[in-house]
Protein backbone atom coordinates (compact mmCIF):
# COMPACT_ATOMS: atom_id res chain seq x y z
CA MET A 1 -22.19 54.29 204.76
CA LYS A 2 -21.34 50.80 206.01
CA GLU A 3 -23.38 49.66 208.99
CA GLN A 4 -20.30 49.05 211.15
CA ASN A 5 -19.42 52.72 210.74
CA ARG A 6 -22.68 53.76 212.41
CA LYS A 7 -21.13 53.40 215.86
CA HIS A 8 -22.46 56.13 218.09
CA VAL A 9 -19.84 58.69 219.00
CA LYS A 10 -18.59 60.03 222.31
CA ILE A 11 -16.93 63.45 222.22
CA ALA A 12 -15.01 65.06 225.08
CA VAL A 13 -14.46 68.83 224.90
CA ILE A 14 -11.56 70.04 227.03
CA GLY A 15 -12.38 73.66 227.79
CA GLY A 16 -16.11 73.04 227.49
CA GLY A 17 -16.89 76.37 229.15
CA SER A 18 -15.43 78.23 226.18
CA SER A 19 -17.58 80.81 224.44
CA TYR A 20 -17.00 78.81 221.21
CA THR A 21 -18.84 75.71 222.48
CA PRO A 22 -22.34 76.68 221.21
CA GLU A 23 -21.00 76.74 217.66
CA LEU A 24 -19.61 73.24 218.13
CA VAL A 25 -22.93 72.01 219.52
CA GLU A 26 -24.77 73.57 216.57
CA GLY A 27 -22.47 71.73 214.15
CA LEU A 28 -22.91 68.39 215.89
CA ILE A 29 -26.69 68.79 215.78
CA GLN A 30 -26.69 69.73 212.10
CA GLY A 31 -24.37 66.84 211.24
CA TYR A 32 -26.09 64.20 213.35
CA ASP A 33 -27.34 62.15 210.38
CA GLU A 34 -23.78 61.80 209.14
CA MET A 35 -22.16 61.31 212.56
CA PRO A 36 -24.56 60.26 215.35
CA VAL A 37 -23.21 61.67 218.59
CA SER A 38 -24.56 59.87 221.65
CA GLU A 39 -22.49 61.57 224.37
CA LEU A 40 -21.07 65.07 224.53
CA TRP A 41 -18.93 65.69 227.60
CA LEU A 42 -18.03 69.29 228.38
CA VAL A 43 -15.16 69.45 230.88
CA ASP A 44 -13.48 72.42 232.48
CA ILE A 45 -11.46 73.37 235.56
CA GLU A 46 -12.71 74.78 238.85
CA GLN A 47 -11.98 78.38 237.78
CA GLY A 48 -14.16 77.83 234.71
CA LYS A 49 -17.05 76.12 236.51
CA HIS A 50 -19.42 79.10 236.29
CA LYS A 51 -18.91 79.48 232.54
CA LEU A 52 -19.19 75.72 232.06
CA GLU A 53 -22.60 75.71 233.72
CA ILE A 54 -23.85 78.63 231.60
CA VAL A 55 -22.56 77.19 228.31
CA GLY A 56 -23.52 73.65 229.25
CA ASN A 57 -27.09 74.57 230.03
CA LEU A 58 -27.35 76.38 226.70
CA ALA A 59 -25.98 73.24 225.02
CA LYS A 60 -28.65 71.15 226.73
CA ARG A 61 -31.39 73.55 225.57
CA MET A 62 -30.04 73.41 222.01
CA VAL A 63 -30.04 69.60 222.03
CA LYS A 64 -33.51 69.46 223.59
CA LYS A 65 -34.85 71.76 220.88
CA SER A 66 -33.32 69.51 218.21
CA GLY A 67 -35.07 66.42 219.60
CA LEU A 68 -31.91 64.35 219.11
CA PRO A 69 -30.83 61.66 221.59
CA ILE A 70 -27.54 63.37 222.55
CA GLU A 71 -26.61 63.22 226.23
CA VAL A 72 -24.81 66.37 227.39
CA HIS A 73 -22.61 65.93 230.47
CA LEU A 74 -20.98 68.78 232.40
CA THR A 75 -18.02 67.82 234.55
CA LEU A 76 -14.78 68.89 236.19
CA ASP A 77 -13.58 65.27 235.99
CA ARG A 78 -11.39 65.18 232.90
CA ARG A 79 -10.72 61.47 233.09
CA ALA A 80 -14.42 60.61 233.15
CA ALA A 81 -14.93 62.76 230.08
CA ILE A 82 -12.04 61.13 228.19
CA GLN A 83 -12.85 57.52 229.14
CA GLY A 84 -13.79 55.69 225.94
CA ALA A 85 -14.08 58.88 223.86
CA ASP A 86 -13.86 58.72 220.09
CA PHE A 87 -12.82 62.35 219.77
CA VAL A 88 -11.21 64.71 222.27
CA THR A 89 -11.20 68.38 221.29
CA THR A 90 -9.08 70.96 223.10
CA GLN A 91 -10.01 74.65 223.27
CA MET A 92 -8.35 75.81 226.46
CA ARG A 93 -6.49 78.85 227.75
CA VAL A 94 -4.01 78.18 230.56
CA GLY A 95 -4.00 81.27 232.73
CA LEU A 96 -7.27 82.55 231.27
CA LEU A 97 -7.54 86.02 229.70
CA GLU A 98 -5.40 87.58 232.43
CA ALA A 99 -2.41 85.61 231.13
CA ARG A 100 -3.20 86.70 227.60
CA LYS A 101 -3.24 90.31 228.77
CA LEU A 102 0.29 89.90 230.14
CA ASP A 103 1.41 88.25 226.89
CA GLU A 104 0.21 91.33 225.02
CA HIS A 105 1.24 94.09 227.45
CA ILE A 106 4.74 93.05 228.50
CA PRO A 107 6.30 92.86 225.01
CA LEU A 108 4.78 96.25 224.09
CA ARG A 109 6.61 97.81 227.05
CA HIS A 110 9.84 96.68 225.38
CA GLY A 111 8.92 97.86 221.89
CA VAL A 112 8.06 94.36 220.64
CA ILE A 113 4.83 93.04 219.08
CA GLY A 114 2.49 91.77 221.82
CA GLN A 115 0.20 89.09 220.41
CA GLU A 116 -1.43 85.84 221.55
CA THR A 117 0.21 83.44 219.09
CA THR A 118 3.04 85.47 217.53
CA GLY A 119 6.28 86.69 219.09
CA PRO A 120 7.05 86.52 222.84
CA GLY A 121 3.34 86.34 223.74
CA GLY A 122 2.83 83.29 221.56
CA MET A 123 5.95 81.71 223.02
CA PHE A 124 4.70 82.08 226.57
CA LYS A 125 1.28 80.80 225.68
CA ALA A 126 3.08 77.71 224.36
CA LEU A 127 5.24 77.39 227.48
CA ARG A 128 2.14 77.44 229.69
CA THR A 129 -0.01 75.25 227.48
CA ILE A 130 2.17 72.40 226.22
CA PRO A 131 2.82 70.72 229.62
CA VAL A 132 -0.92 70.75 230.38
CA ILE A 133 -1.80 69.36 226.95
CA LEU A 134 0.73 66.56 227.45
CA GLU A 135 -0.91 65.70 230.80
CA ILE A 136 -4.20 65.37 228.91
CA CYS A 137 -2.42 63.15 226.39
CA ARG A 138 -1.36 60.79 229.19
CA ASP A 139 -5.04 60.40 230.08
CA ILE A 140 -5.96 59.76 226.44
CA GLU A 141 -3.20 57.16 226.07
CA GLU A 142 -4.61 55.31 229.09
CA LEU A 143 -8.37 55.82 228.77
CA ALA A 144 -9.08 56.32 225.05
CA PRO A 145 -6.03 55.11 223.08
CA GLN A 146 -7.93 54.98 219.77
CA ALA A 147 -9.33 58.50 220.08
CA TRP A 148 -8.41 61.34 217.79
CA MET A 149 -7.37 64.52 219.57
CA LEU A 150 -8.41 67.60 217.60
CA ASN A 151 -6.45 70.60 218.84
CA PHE A 152 -7.62 74.16 218.39
CA THR A 153 -5.73 75.47 221.42
CA ASN A 154 -3.29 78.19 220.37
CA PRO A 155 -0.57 78.30 219.31
CA ALA A 156 -2.19 75.42 217.44
CA GLY A 157 0.78 74.35 215.32
CA MET A 158 3.20 74.28 218.24
CA VAL A 159 0.79 72.40 220.50
CA THR A 160 0.08 69.86 217.77
CA GLU A 161 3.80 69.38 217.13
CA ALA A 162 4.44 68.86 220.85
CA VAL A 163 1.77 66.15 220.99
CA THR A 164 3.28 64.44 217.95
CA LYS A 165 6.80 64.54 219.42
CA TYR A 166 6.06 63.75 223.05
CA SER A 167 3.04 61.42 223.06
CA ARG A 168 1.44 58.47 221.27
CA VAL A 169 -1.89 60.26 220.78
CA LYS A 170 -3.34 60.52 217.28
CA THR A 171 -3.69 64.23 216.77
CA VAL A 172 -4.60 66.85 214.19
CA GLY A 173 -4.41 70.60 214.67
CA LEU A 174 -6.89 72.99 213.12
CA CYS A 175 -7.42 76.70 212.81
CA ASN A 176 -10.27 78.87 211.59
CA SER A 177 -8.01 80.93 209.33
CA PRO A 178 -8.07 78.54 206.30
CA ILE A 179 -11.84 78.00 206.44
CA ASN A 180 -12.33 81.77 206.69
CA PHE A 181 -10.23 82.27 203.57
CA LYS A 182 -12.21 79.61 201.75
CA LYS A 183 -15.44 81.41 202.65
CA PHE A 184 -13.92 84.71 201.52
CA LEU A 185 -12.90 83.17 198.19
CA ALA A 186 -16.34 81.67 197.58
CA GLU A 187 -18.05 84.96 198.41
CA ALA A 188 -15.65 87.00 196.27
CA PHE A 189 -16.53 84.92 193.21
CA GLY A 190 -20.18 84.25 194.04
CA THR A 191 -19.85 80.48 194.10
CA PRO A 192 -20.39 77.66 196.63
CA GLU A 193 -17.47 76.72 198.88
CA SER A 194 -17.45 73.24 197.33
CA ARG A 195 -16.23 74.79 194.06
CA VAL A 196 -13.19 76.64 195.42
CA LEU A 197 -9.81 75.21 196.39
CA PRO A 198 -7.12 77.46 197.85
CA GLU A 199 -3.63 75.98 198.31
CA PHE A 200 -1.84 76.83 201.56
CA VAL A 201 1.92 76.80 202.06
CA GLY A 202 3.40 77.21 205.54
CA ILE A 203 2.68 76.62 209.19
CA ASN A 204 -0.06 77.73 211.56
CA HIS A 205 -0.50 81.52 211.53
CA LEU A 206 2.38 81.75 209.04
CA HIS A 207 0.99 80.58 205.74
CA TRP A 208 0.63 81.90 202.21
CA VAL A 209 -2.03 81.10 199.61
CA THR A 210 0.00 80.19 196.51
CA SER A 211 -2.94 79.05 194.38
CA ALA A 212 -6.68 79.71 194.36
CA LEU A 213 -8.89 77.63 192.10
CA VAL A 214 -12.52 78.51 191.37
CA ASP A 215 -14.25 75.87 189.24
CA GLY A 216 -10.77 74.65 188.34
CA LYS A 217 -9.62 78.08 187.10
CA GLU A 218 -6.62 79.82 188.71
CA VAL A 219 -7.77 83.18 190.09
CA LEU A 220 -4.77 84.11 192.24
CA PRO A 221 -3.51 86.79 189.81
CA GLU A 222 -6.97 88.36 189.83
CA LEU A 223 -7.00 88.41 193.63
CA LEU A 224 -3.55 89.98 193.78
CA ARG A 225 -4.73 92.76 191.44
CA GLY A 226 -8.05 93.28 193.20
CA LYS A 227 -9.05 95.82 195.81
CA LYS A 228 -10.82 93.42 198.16
CA GLU A 229 -8.46 92.57 201.00
CA TYR A 230 -8.67 89.48 203.14
CA SER A 231 -8.21 90.14 206.86
CA ALA A 232 -9.68 89.16 210.22
CA ARG A 233 -11.51 90.78 213.10
CA ASN A 234 -8.68 90.11 215.55
CA VAL A 235 -5.89 91.58 213.39
CA PRO A 236 -5.80 95.28 212.41
CA THR A 237 -6.74 95.96 208.79
CA LEU A 238 -3.68 97.89 207.70
CA GLY A 239 -3.47 97.56 203.94
CA TRP A 240 -0.90 95.56 202.04
CA ASP A 241 1.38 97.31 199.57
CA PRO A 242 0.07 96.28 196.10
CA GLN A 243 3.53 96.19 194.53
CA PHE A 244 4.78 93.96 197.33
CA LEU A 245 1.88 91.53 196.89
CA GLN A 246 2.49 91.33 193.16
CA SER A 247 6.15 90.51 193.73
CA LEU A 248 5.27 87.98 196.44
CA SER A 249 2.98 86.08 194.03
CA ALA A 250 1.00 84.81 197.00
CA ILE A 251 -1.62 86.04 199.46
CA PRO A 252 -0.13 86.15 202.96
CA THR A 253 -2.25 85.30 205.98
CA TYR A 254 -3.17 88.40 207.97
CA TYR A 255 -0.78 87.27 210.76
CA LEU A 256 2.11 87.88 208.39
CA LYS A 257 1.49 91.60 208.80
CA TYR A 258 3.39 91.28 212.08
CA TYR A 259 6.46 90.24 210.06
CA TYR A 260 6.09 92.26 206.86
CA MET A 261 4.70 95.43 208.46
CA THR A 262 6.24 95.26 211.92
CA THR A 263 6.64 98.98 212.56
CA GLU A 264 3.11 99.84 211.45
CA MET A 265 1.58 96.98 213.44
CA LEU A 266 3.56 97.86 216.55
CA ASN A 267 2.46 101.49 216.33
CA GLU A 268 -1.17 100.42 215.90
CA GLN A 269 -0.92 98.09 218.91
CA ILE A 270 0.52 100.85 221.08
CA ALA A 271 -2.25 103.23 219.97
CA SER A 272 -4.90 100.58 220.68
CA LEU A 273 -3.40 99.91 224.11
CA GLU A 274 -3.78 103.56 225.04
CA LYS A 275 -7.29 103.85 223.60
CA ASP A 276 -9.22 100.59 224.14
CA GLY A 277 -6.67 98.18 225.58
CA THR A 278 -5.18 95.18 223.80
CA ARG A 279 -7.08 92.32 222.20
CA ALA A 280 -7.40 90.59 225.61
CA GLU A 281 -9.48 93.46 226.93
CA VAL A 282 -11.60 93.50 223.77
CA VAL A 283 -12.22 89.74 224.00
CA SER A 284 -13.09 90.09 227.68
CA ARG A 285 -15.81 92.60 226.82
CA VAL A 286 -17.13 90.44 223.97
CA GLU A 287 -17.20 87.36 226.19
CA LYS A 288 -19.05 89.23 228.93
CA GLU A 289 -21.78 90.09 226.43
CA LEU A 290 -21.86 86.53 225.07
CA PHE A 291 -22.22 84.91 228.48
CA GLU A 292 -25.00 87.30 229.37
CA LEU A 293 -26.79 86.06 226.24
CA TYR A 294 -25.98 82.42 226.99
CA ALA A 295 -27.46 82.72 230.48
CA ASP A 296 -30.87 83.68 229.07
CA GLU A 297 -32.95 80.54 229.60
CA SER A 298 -35.08 81.38 226.56
CA LEU A 299 -32.03 81.14 224.26
CA GLU A 300 -32.00 77.81 222.40
CA GLU A 301 -29.54 78.47 219.57
CA LYS A 302 -26.10 79.90 218.89
CA PRO A 303 -26.37 83.72 218.96
CA LYS A 304 -25.19 85.63 215.91
CA GLN A 305 -22.87 87.72 218.09
CA LEU A 306 -20.53 84.71 218.50
CA GLU A 307 -19.18 85.41 215.01
CA GLN A 308 -17.66 88.63 216.39
CA ARG A 309 -15.49 86.64 218.81
CA GLY A 310 -12.56 86.28 216.36
CA GLY A 311 -12.59 82.49 216.09
CA ALA A 312 -15.72 82.23 213.99
CA TYR A 313 -16.18 78.99 212.04
CA TYR A 314 -13.53 77.05 213.95
CA SER A 315 -16.23 74.67 215.18
CA GLU A 316 -17.48 74.21 211.64
CA ALA A 317 -13.95 73.13 210.74
CA ALA A 318 -13.81 70.83 213.79
CA VAL A 319 -17.12 69.15 212.97
CA HIS A 320 -16.13 68.68 209.31
CA LEU A 321 -12.90 67.02 210.42
CA MET A 322 -14.63 64.68 212.86
CA GLN A 323 -17.19 63.70 210.24
CA SER A 324 -14.51 62.98 207.65
CA LEU A 325 -12.48 60.84 210.06
CA TYR A 326 -15.67 59.02 211.07
CA THR A 327 -16.98 58.37 207.56
CA GLY A 328 -13.72 58.27 205.58
CA ARG A 329 -15.15 60.58 202.92
CA ASN A 330 -11.72 61.57 201.55
CA ASP A 331 -12.39 65.27 201.19
CA ILE A 332 -9.75 68.01 201.26
CA GLN A 333 -9.27 70.09 204.41
CA THR A 334 -6.48 72.39 205.58
CA LEU A 335 -4.94 70.95 208.75
CA ASN A 336 -1.89 70.96 210.98
CA VAL A 337 -0.03 67.67 210.50
CA PRO A 338 3.58 66.41 210.61
CA ASN A 339 5.69 67.57 207.68
CA GLY A 340 7.09 64.18 206.71
CA VAL A 341 8.70 64.71 203.30
CA ILE A 342 6.55 67.64 202.14
CA TYR A 343 9.14 70.38 202.80
CA ASP A 344 12.76 69.29 202.53
CA PHE A 345 13.91 72.44 204.38
CA LEU A 346 11.93 71.60 207.56
CA PRO A 347 12.25 68.65 209.98
CA ALA A 348 10.04 65.63 209.32
CA ASP A 349 8.27 66.01 212.69
CA ALA A 350 7.60 69.73 212.25
CA SER A 351 3.91 70.64 212.26
CA ILE A 352 2.85 72.29 209.01
CA GLU A 353 -0.49 73.74 207.88
CA ILE A 354 -1.42 72.22 204.54
CA ASN A 355 -4.22 70.76 202.45
CA CYS A 356 -4.87 67.12 203.30
CA VAL A 357 -7.11 64.32 202.09
CA VAL A 358 -8.96 63.20 205.21
CA THR A 359 -9.36 59.41 205.24
CA ALA A 360 -10.77 57.13 207.93
CA GLY A 361 -7.17 56.38 208.87
CA GLY A 362 -6.20 60.02 209.20
CA PRO A 363 -5.15 63.00 207.09
CA ILE A 364 -2.77 62.55 204.13
CA PRO A 365 -0.94 65.81 203.29
CA LEU A 366 -0.86 66.98 199.68
CA ALA A 367 2.42 68.46 198.48
CA PRO A 368 1.97 72.01 197.14
CA ARG A 369 2.83 72.58 193.51
CA HIS A 370 5.25 75.38 194.28
CA VAL A 371 6.96 76.93 197.32
CA PRO A 372 8.42 80.35 196.42
CA GLN A 373 12.05 80.73 197.47
CA HIS A 374 11.42 83.95 199.41
CA ILE A 375 8.89 82.14 201.61
CA LYS A 376 11.26 79.39 202.68
CA GLY A 377 13.58 81.60 204.71
CA LEU A 378 10.94 83.04 207.03
CA LEU A 379 9.28 79.64 207.38
CA HIS A 380 12.55 78.03 208.42
CA ALA A 381 13.37 80.82 210.89
CA VAL A 382 9.99 80.70 212.64
CA LYS A 383 9.94 76.91 212.71
CA THR A 384 13.40 76.94 214.33
CA TYR A 385 12.04 79.21 217.06
CA GLU A 386 8.97 77.00 217.47
CA SER A 387 10.95 73.79 217.84
CA LEU A 388 13.23 75.37 220.45
CA ALA A 389 10.24 76.74 222.38
CA ILE A 390 8.47 73.35 222.34
CA ASP A 391 11.52 71.60 223.79
CA ALA A 392 11.88 74.37 226.38
CA ALA A 393 8.23 73.97 227.42
CA VAL A 394 8.74 70.25 228.04
CA SER A 395 12.14 70.47 229.73
CA GLY A 396 11.92 73.78 231.60
CA ASP A 397 15.37 74.59 230.24
CA ARG A 398 15.94 78.36 230.47
CA GLY A 399 18.83 78.17 228.01
CA LEU A 400 16.54 76.68 225.35
CA ALA A 401 13.90 79.28 226.19
CA LEU A 402 16.44 82.06 225.70
CA GLN A 403 17.53 80.60 222.36
CA ALA A 404 13.89 80.41 221.28
CA MET A 405 13.28 84.04 222.26
CA VAL A 406 16.47 85.30 220.61
CA HIS A 407 15.77 83.47 217.36
CA HIS A 408 12.24 84.73 216.95
CA PRO A 409 12.32 87.17 214.00
CA LEU A 410 10.23 89.75 215.90
CA VAL A 411 12.68 90.02 218.83
CA PRO A 412 15.35 92.60 217.92
CA SER A 413 18.30 91.69 220.16
CA VAL A 414 19.75 89.37 222.79
CA SER A 415 19.42 92.07 225.46
CA THR A 416 15.72 92.56 224.71
CA ALA A 417 15.19 88.79 224.63
CA LYS A 418 16.78 88.39 228.07
CA LEU A 419 14.66 91.18 229.55
CA LEU A 420 11.48 89.73 228.06
CA LEU A 421 12.28 86.19 229.12
CA ASP A 422 13.04 87.11 232.75
CA GLU A 423 10.04 89.41 233.11
CA MET A 424 7.57 87.03 231.47
CA LEU A 425 8.84 83.97 233.34
CA GLU A 426 8.25 85.80 236.60
CA ALA A 427 4.85 87.16 235.51
CA HIS A 428 3.64 83.65 234.60
CA ARG A 429 5.51 81.84 237.37
CA SER A 430 2.45 80.04 238.77
CA TYR A 431 1.75 78.46 235.35
CA LEU A 432 5.35 77.46 234.59
CA PRO A 433 6.29 74.81 237.19
CA ASN A 434 8.84 73.23 234.82
CA PHE A 435 10.98 76.36 235.09
CA TYR A 436 10.86 76.58 238.88
CA VAL A 437 11.73 73.08 240.14
């Protein structure tokens, strides 16, 4: 590495009180020789102060145990954290888990999928989140104009696209879904991750694996015939129809079950609501356990239980991305970036999730070898909804919001869309000032 590249790094974590933060700290410690972090600023809001202190103190114990000269700062002052930062990561939840609970419960009352990033719930998470993210971008433009903003805040693709369209901030979106699939692929074939290369076609939480190379050999047909199914802890494990998968000639992300198996997924959500509550309640219980562990002053490492949270390995992906941007190592990672000319059926500024070569100057997307025709239609429909919802979030235009809701493939009718929009706008009123001016 060239000496001038050995500049010590300042990282600001927006949402530093998140339960994911210990994994990020672990990654920064393990990767210190490649990317020497001098300052790690964990910033949160007043409502998250208690969690910030618990997580921040664990972070300090982890760094102390490592013996590395990393200064960990805990603050509610976002601007101080951003000032002069090299990287700003976002992992925030506007409205906290109570808002997520509403996103999941309200649609179910109307016979519609209730989920954090998909359907009406994902739309309202975007409406709440995008204006706040753009406020953060104003701070970055002023205080750290050369910084990279790495966004993991859901819905990650929509948030990343909003930043690209409505700010000058250099941004990349990332998700743990691709890195989880890569780990699954490596484990399935008993080989290191460095020797597998899946190809992703689509957008965040709506992608298909259209190729899977292991040591340069295509193994996708073998996966499609196999009995081992790829899924995730936060999505029910209803099985795919084997004949359908064969005809699809691709492995759909587990989030596509909401589109391909809507009735079954809706029934399972309703049953879960009556039995254990929705995912928001489950996450709340998991987080309670995690923060009890984090508060133990004898704990000096990331607890194994964090992997049960549902976002496991996101921080590994975040650290890999930071290191590649810092060193310019030109490796391949799956990221959310502007479409450009990759897909001629989507707008150039649409955020897509795709393999990229990560250079010191930023990610360069790699065009997939093949995009099946039957994939294009659903991609275009969901991206149309996303673009409408992004513009509605920025403008507060109820007409655009209604169009976004109506055109989401999981919303069955205009009448249902109007009911959902009115009820959810009112439920989230305090977090949607753009709609109430």
